[in-house]
Amino acid sequence: MTRFRISRALVTALLCGLALAGPVWAHHSVQSQFDIHKTVSISGTVAKIEWINPHSYLTVNVKGADGKVQKWAFEMGAAGTLRKAGLSRADRGGLKAGDEVTIRALPARDGSNSGLLQELKIADGRVYKFSADAAGNVEQTGR
């Protein structure tokens, strides 16, 4: 009887672990969120930067052909990864709200104004290139 309870508890724990692993993997699946076969290029003004882990976010105001401003949101790597790539916070002389930028990104699959940052050009001439693997790990590929 004790052996049966232990086996049942073990099977239950394994099934719970497998059930929880799926959403975690999906969260980090670049291909499920972004179209890796297309890119979008936009130019605009930095509205907000969130230097957080596990992903930092960049919000850019983009003026449309009709003159209306649209907000675009871009997922980036972790704050530490971005620092290693040379991209720093405004208080360290880096990217800040109001900076003019040009961005190349993988577009969101859901059609929203969002994407995964691939290249960031700042009006002062700095260029940062990033790539992401299937697990969502972002690395600097050039500068």
C-alpha atoms as a PDB file:
ATOM      1  CA  MET A   1       0.000   0.000   0.000  1.00  0.00           C
ATOM      2  CA  THR A   2       2.817   2.447   0.823  1.00  0.00           C
ATOM      3  CA  ARG A   3       4.549   1.636  -2.459  1.00  0.00           C
ATOM      4  CA  PHE A   4       1.314   2.442  -4.332  1.00  0.00           C
ATOM      5  CA  ARG A   5       1.016   5.847  -2.575  1.00  0.00           C
ATOM      6  CA  ILE A   6       4.631   6.724  -3.360  1.00  0.00           C
ATOM      7  CA  SER A   7       4.225   5.728  -7.013  1.00  0.00           C
ATOM      8  CA  ARG A   8       0.995   7.672  -7.300  1.00  0.00           C
ATOM      9  CA  ALA A   9       2.576  10.744  -5.690  1.00  0.00           C
ATOM     10  CA  LEU A  10       5.582  10.479  -8.015  1.00  0.00           C
ATOM     11  CA  VAL A  11       3.409  10.178 -11.122  1.00  0.00           C
ATOM     12  CA  THR A  12       1.278  13.128  -9.976  1.00  0.00           C
ATOM     13  CA  ALA A  13       4.381  15.259  -9.378  1.00  0.00           C
ATOM     14  CA  LEU A  14       5.803  14.368 -12.799  1.00  0.00           C
ATOM     15  CA  LEU A  15       2.541  15.200 -14.566  1.00  0.00           C
ATOM     16  CA  CYS A  16       2.326  18.548 -12.762  1.00  0.00           C
ATOM     17  CA  GLY A  17       5.913  19.303 -13.745  1.00  0.00           C
ATOM     18  CA  LEU A  18       5.210  18.526 -17.388  1.00  0.00           C
ATOM     19  CA  ALA A  19       2.047  20.627 -17.350  1.00  0.00           C
ATOM     20  CA  LEU A  20       3.953  23.625 -16.002  1.00  0.00           C
ATOM     21  CA  ALA A  21       6.882  23.218 -18.404  1.00  0.00           C
ATOM     22  CA  GLY A  22       4.748  23.860 -21.499  1.00  0.00           C
ATOM     23  CA  PRO A  23       3.780  27.456 -20.691  1.00  0.00           C
ATOM     24  CA  VAL A  24       7.340  28.272 -19.622  1.00  0.00           C
ATOM     25  CA  TRP A  25       8.721  26.973 -22.926  1.00  0.00           C
ATOM     26  CA  ALA A  26       6.019  28.809 -24.879  1.00  0.00           C
ATOM     27  CA  HIS A  27       6.868  32.064 -23.069  1.00  0.00           C
ATOM     28  CA  HIS A  28      10.418  31.841 -24.368  1.00  0.00           C
ATOM     29  CA  SER A  29       9.569  30.632 -27.869  1.00  0.00           C
ATOM     30  CA  VAL A  30      10.572  33.409 -30.253  1.00  0.00           C
ATOM     31  CA  GLN A  31       8.904  31.670 -33.197  1.00  0.00           C
ATOM     32  CA  SER A  32       5.530  31.474 -31.452  1.00  0.00           C
ATOM     33  CA  GLN A  33       5.409  35.228 -30.778  1.00  0.00           C
ATOM     34  CA  PHE A  34       7.347  36.728 -33.692  1.00  0.00           C
ATOM     35  CA  ASP A  35       7.578  36.035 -37.435  1.00  0.00           C
ATOM     36  CA  ILE A  36      11.232  35.063 -37.905  1.00  0.00           C
ATOM     37  CA  HIS A  37      10.881  35.203 -41.711  1.00  0.00           C
ATOM     38  CA  LYS A  38       9.957  38.906 -41.876  1.00  0.00           C
ATOM     39  CA  THR A  39      11.330  42.176 -40.569  1.00  0.00           C
ATOM     40  CA  VAL A  40       9.770  45.551 -39.980  1.00  0.00           C
ATOM     41  CA  SER A  41      11.676  48.847 -40.014  1.00  0.00           C
ATOM     42  CA  ILE A  42      10.395  51.942 -38.256  1.00  0.00           C
ATOM     43  CA  SER A  43      11.737  55.325 -37.224  1.00  0.00           C
ATOM     44  CA  GLY A  44      10.473  57.339 -34.310  1.00  0.00           C
ATOM     45  CA  THR A  45      11.085  58.850 -30.908  1.00  0.00           C
ATOM     46  CA  VAL A  46      11.791  56.831 -27.767  1.00  0.00           C
ATOM     47  CA  ALA A  47       8.791  57.199 -25.438  1.00  0.00           C
ATOM     48  CA  LYS A  48       9.832  54.814 -22.675  1.00  0.00           C
ATOM     49  CA  ILE A  49      12.463  52.212 -21.812  1.00  0.00           C
ATOM     50  CA  GLU A  50      11.961  49.532 -19.182  1.00  0.00           C
ATOM     51  CA  TRP A  51      15.289  48.061 -18.029  1.00  0.00           C
ATOM     52  CA  ILE A  52      13.960  44.881 -16.424  1.00  0.00           C
ATOM     53  CA  ASN A  53      14.613  41.150 -16.369  1.00  0.00           C
ATOM     54  CA  PRO A  54      14.056  38.777 -18.026  1.00  0.00           C
ATOM     55  CA  HIS A  55      13.195  41.088 -20.955  1.00  0.00           C
ATOM     56  CA  SER A  56      13.610  44.840 -21.291  1.00  0.00           C
ATOM     57  CA  TYR A  57      11.097  46.819 -23.347  1.00  0.00           C
ATOM     58  CA  LEU A  58      11.380  49.837 -25.613  1.00  0.00           C
ATOM     59  CA  THR A  59       8.325  51.923 -26.546  1.00  0.00           C
ATOM     60  CA  VAL A  60       8.652  54.186 -29.585  1.00  0.00           C
ATOM     61  CA  ASN A  61       6.284  56.861 -30.905  1.00  0.00           C
ATOM     62  CA  VAL A  62       6.021  56.569 -34.693  1.00  0.00           C
ATOM     63  CA  LYS A  63       4.312  59.220 -36.813  1.00  0.00           C
ATOM     64  CA  GLY A  64       2.112  57.636 -39.479  1.00  0.00           C
ATOM     65  CA  ALA A  65       1.491  58.914 -43.015  1.00  0.00           C
ATOM     66  CA  ASP A  66      -1.692  60.564 -41.696  1.00  0.00           C
ATOM     67  CA  GLY A  67       0.331  62.461 -39.071  1.00  0.00           C
ATOM     68  CA  LYS A  68      -1.094  60.468 -36.177  1.00  0.00           C
ATOM     69  CA  VAL A  69       1.319  58.996 -33.650  1.00  0.00           C
ATOM     70  CA  GLN A  70       1.283  55.246 -33.088  1.00  0.00           C
ATOM     71  CA  LYS A  71       3.004  53.526 -30.183  1.00  0.00           C
ATOM     72  CA  TRP A  72       5.239  50.563 -31.018  1.00  0.00           C
ATOM     73  CA  ALA A  73       6.595  48.225 -28.331  1.00  0.00           C
ATOM     74  CA  PHE A  74       9.771  46.188 -28.759  1.00  0.00           C
ATOM     75  CA  GLU A  75      10.994  43.330 -26.632  1.00  0.00           C
ATOM     76  CA  MET A  76      14.719  43.313 -25.942  1.00  0.00           C
ATOM     77  CA  GLY A  77      17.108  41.171 -23.929  1.00  0.00           C
ATOM     78  CA  ALA A  78      17.659  41.281 -20.195  1.00  0.00           C
ATOM     79  CA  ALA A  79      19.099  44.476 -18.731  1.00  0.00           C
ATOM     80  CA  GLY A  80      22.445  42.767 -18.061  1.00  0.00           C
ATOM     81  CA  THR A  81      22.660  41.455 -21.625  1.00  0.00           C
ATOM     82  CA  LEU A  82      22.013  44.931 -23.015  1.00  0.00           C
ATOM     83  CA  ARG A  83      24.694  46.430 -20.752  1.00  0.00           C
ATOM     84  CA  LYS A  84      27.200  43.835 -21.989  1.00  0.00           C
ATOM     85  CA  ALA A  85      26.294  44.851 -25.538  1.00  0.00           C
ATOM     86  CA  GLY A  86      27.165  48.456 -24.690  1.00  0.00           C
ATOM     87  CA  LEU A  87      23.614  49.798 -24.506  1.00  0.00           C
ATOM     88  CA  SER A  88      23.239  51.709 -21.261  1.00  0.00           C
ATOM     89  CA  ARG A  89      20.601  53.550 -19.276  1.00  0.00           C
ATOM     90  CA  ALA A  90      20.071  57.292 -19.669  1.00  0.00           C
ATOM     91  CA  ASP A  91      21.714  58.015 -16.300  1.00  0.00           C
ATOM     92  CA  ARG A  92      24.875  56.416 -17.710  1.00  0.00           C
ATOM     93  CA  GLY A  93      24.867  58.422 -20.951  1.00  0.00           C
ATOM     94  CA  GLY A  94      22.797  55.906 -22.881  1.00  0.00           C
ATOM     95  CA  LEU A  95      19.401  55.588 -24.523  1.00  0.00           C
ATOM     96  CA  LYS A  96      16.718  57.904 -23.158  1.00  0.00           C
ATOM     97  CA  ALA A  97      13.201  59.129 -23.826  1.00  0.00           C
ATOM     98  CA  GLY A  98      13.228  61.676 -26.642  1.00  0.00           C
ATOM     99  CA  ASP A  99      16.055  60.020 -28.609  1.00  0.00           C
ATOM    100  CA  GLU A 100      15.359  59.604 -32.326  1.00  0.00           C
ATOM    101  CA  VAL A 101      15.828  55.962 -33.364  1.00  0.00           C
ATOM    102  CA  THR A 102      15.477  53.654 -36.340  1.00  0.00           C
ATOM    103  CA  ILE A 103      14.588  50.065 -35.529  1.00  0.00           C
ATOM    104  CA  ARG A 104      14.634  46.783 -37.408  1.00  0.00           C
ATOM    105  CA  ALA A 105      12.641  44.050 -35.680  1.00  0.00           C
ATOM    106  CA  LEU A 106      10.877  40.729 -36.120  1.00  0.00           C
ATOM    107  CA  PRO A 107       7.158  41.626 -36.223  1.00  0.00           C
ATOM    108  CA  ALA A 108       4.630  40.184 -33.789  1.00  0.00           C
ATOM    109  CA  ARG A 109       2.568  37.321 -35.197  1.00  0.00           C
ATOM    110  CA  ASP A 110      -0.644  38.820 -33.792  1.00  0.00           C
ATOM    111  CA  GLY A 111      -0.358  41.900 -36.031  1.00  0.00           C
ATOM    112  CA  SER A 112       0.067  44.339 -33.148  1.00  0.00           C
ATOM    113  CA  ASN A 113       2.501  47.247 -33.274  1.00  0.00           C
ATOM    114  CA  SER A 114       5.228  45.257 -31.558  1.00  0.00           C
ATOM    115  CA  GLY A 115       8.255  43.150 -32.301  1.00  0.00           C
ATOM    116  CA  LEU A 116      11.536  41.641 -31.195  1.00  0.00           C
ATOM    117  CA  LEU A 117      14.392  44.135 -31.543  1.00  0.00           C
ATOM    118  CA  GLN A 118      17.084  43.097 -34.043  1.00  0.00           C
ATOM    119  CA  GLU A 119      18.840  46.398 -34.730  1.00  0.00           C
ATOM    120  CA  LEU A 120      18.751  49.773 -33.018  1.00  0.00           C
ATOM    121  CA  LYS A 121      20.209  52.898 -34.640  1.00  0.00           C
ATOM    122  CA  ILE A 122      20.349  56.030 -32.520  1.00  0.00           C
ATOM    123  CA  ALA A 123      20.431  59.412 -34.291  1.00  0.00           C
ATOM    124  CA  ASP A 124      23.889  60.155 -32.824  1.00  0.00           C
ATOM    125  CA  GLY A 125      25.334  57.322 -34.940  1.00  0.00           C
ATOM    126  CA  ARG A 126      25.434  54.472 -32.432  1.00  0.00           C
ATOM    127  CA  VAL A 127      24.208  51.154 -33.854  1.00  0.00           C
ATOM    128  CA  TYR A 128      23.397  48.009 -31.868  1.00  0.00           C
ATOM    129  CA  LYS A 129      22.608  44.686 -33.527  1.00  0.00           C
ATOM    130  CA  PHE A 130      20.997  41.825 -31.657  1.00  0.00           C
ATOM    131  CA  SER A 131      19.859  38.325 -32.498  1.00  0.00           C
ATOM    132  CA  ALA A 132      17.730  35.841 -30.596  1.00  0.00           C
ATOM    133  CA  ASP A 133      17.845  32.074 -30.546  1.00  0.00           C
ATOM    134  CA  ALA A 134      14.740  29.881 -30.375  1.00  0.00           C
ATOM    135  CA  ALA A 135      14.817  30.043 -26.562  1.00  0.00           C
ATOM    136  CA  GLY A 136      14.661  33.844 -26.607  1.00  0.00           C
ATOM    137  CA  ASN A 137      18.258  34.439 -25.526  1.00  0.00           C
ATOM    138  CA  VAL A 138      19.367  37.739 -27.054  1.00  0.00           C
ATOM    139  CA  GLU A 139      22.991  38.337 -27.950  1.00  0.00           C
ATOM    140  CA  GLN A 140      24.874  41.276 -29.414  1.00  0.00           C
ATOM    141  CA  THR A 141      26.113  40.507 -32.925  1.00  0.00           C
ATOM    142  CA  GLY A 142      27.773  43.781 -33.802  1.00  0.00           C
ATOM    143  CA  ARG A 143      28.087  47.440 -33.086  1.00  0.00           C
END
